[in-house]
């Protein structure tokens, strides 16, 4: 299963928008050091992620939805294969 490093995604989006760390810190009402801390985070509080999504006008939650859908799809396929295996194994010959 792939992992999401949300801090890297936020940093990349900030760079894509050609915004500065100072700009983001000002918008989030925090110090620049806090923004650097956010960039290092592998996971993040949902309230903070919502604020960052609103400030950058970018849905960072979509990455978790994509990951969830991948896992669910894999889980459904594995479950389907397991059920078929059980049916084949347990059915009278």
Foldseek 3Di string as FASTA:
>chain_A
DDAAQLLCVLVVLCVVVVHDLVVLCVQVVHDSVVNVVSNRHSDDDVVVQVSSCVVSVHPSCVVVVVVVVVVVVVVVVVVVVVVVVCCVVPPDD
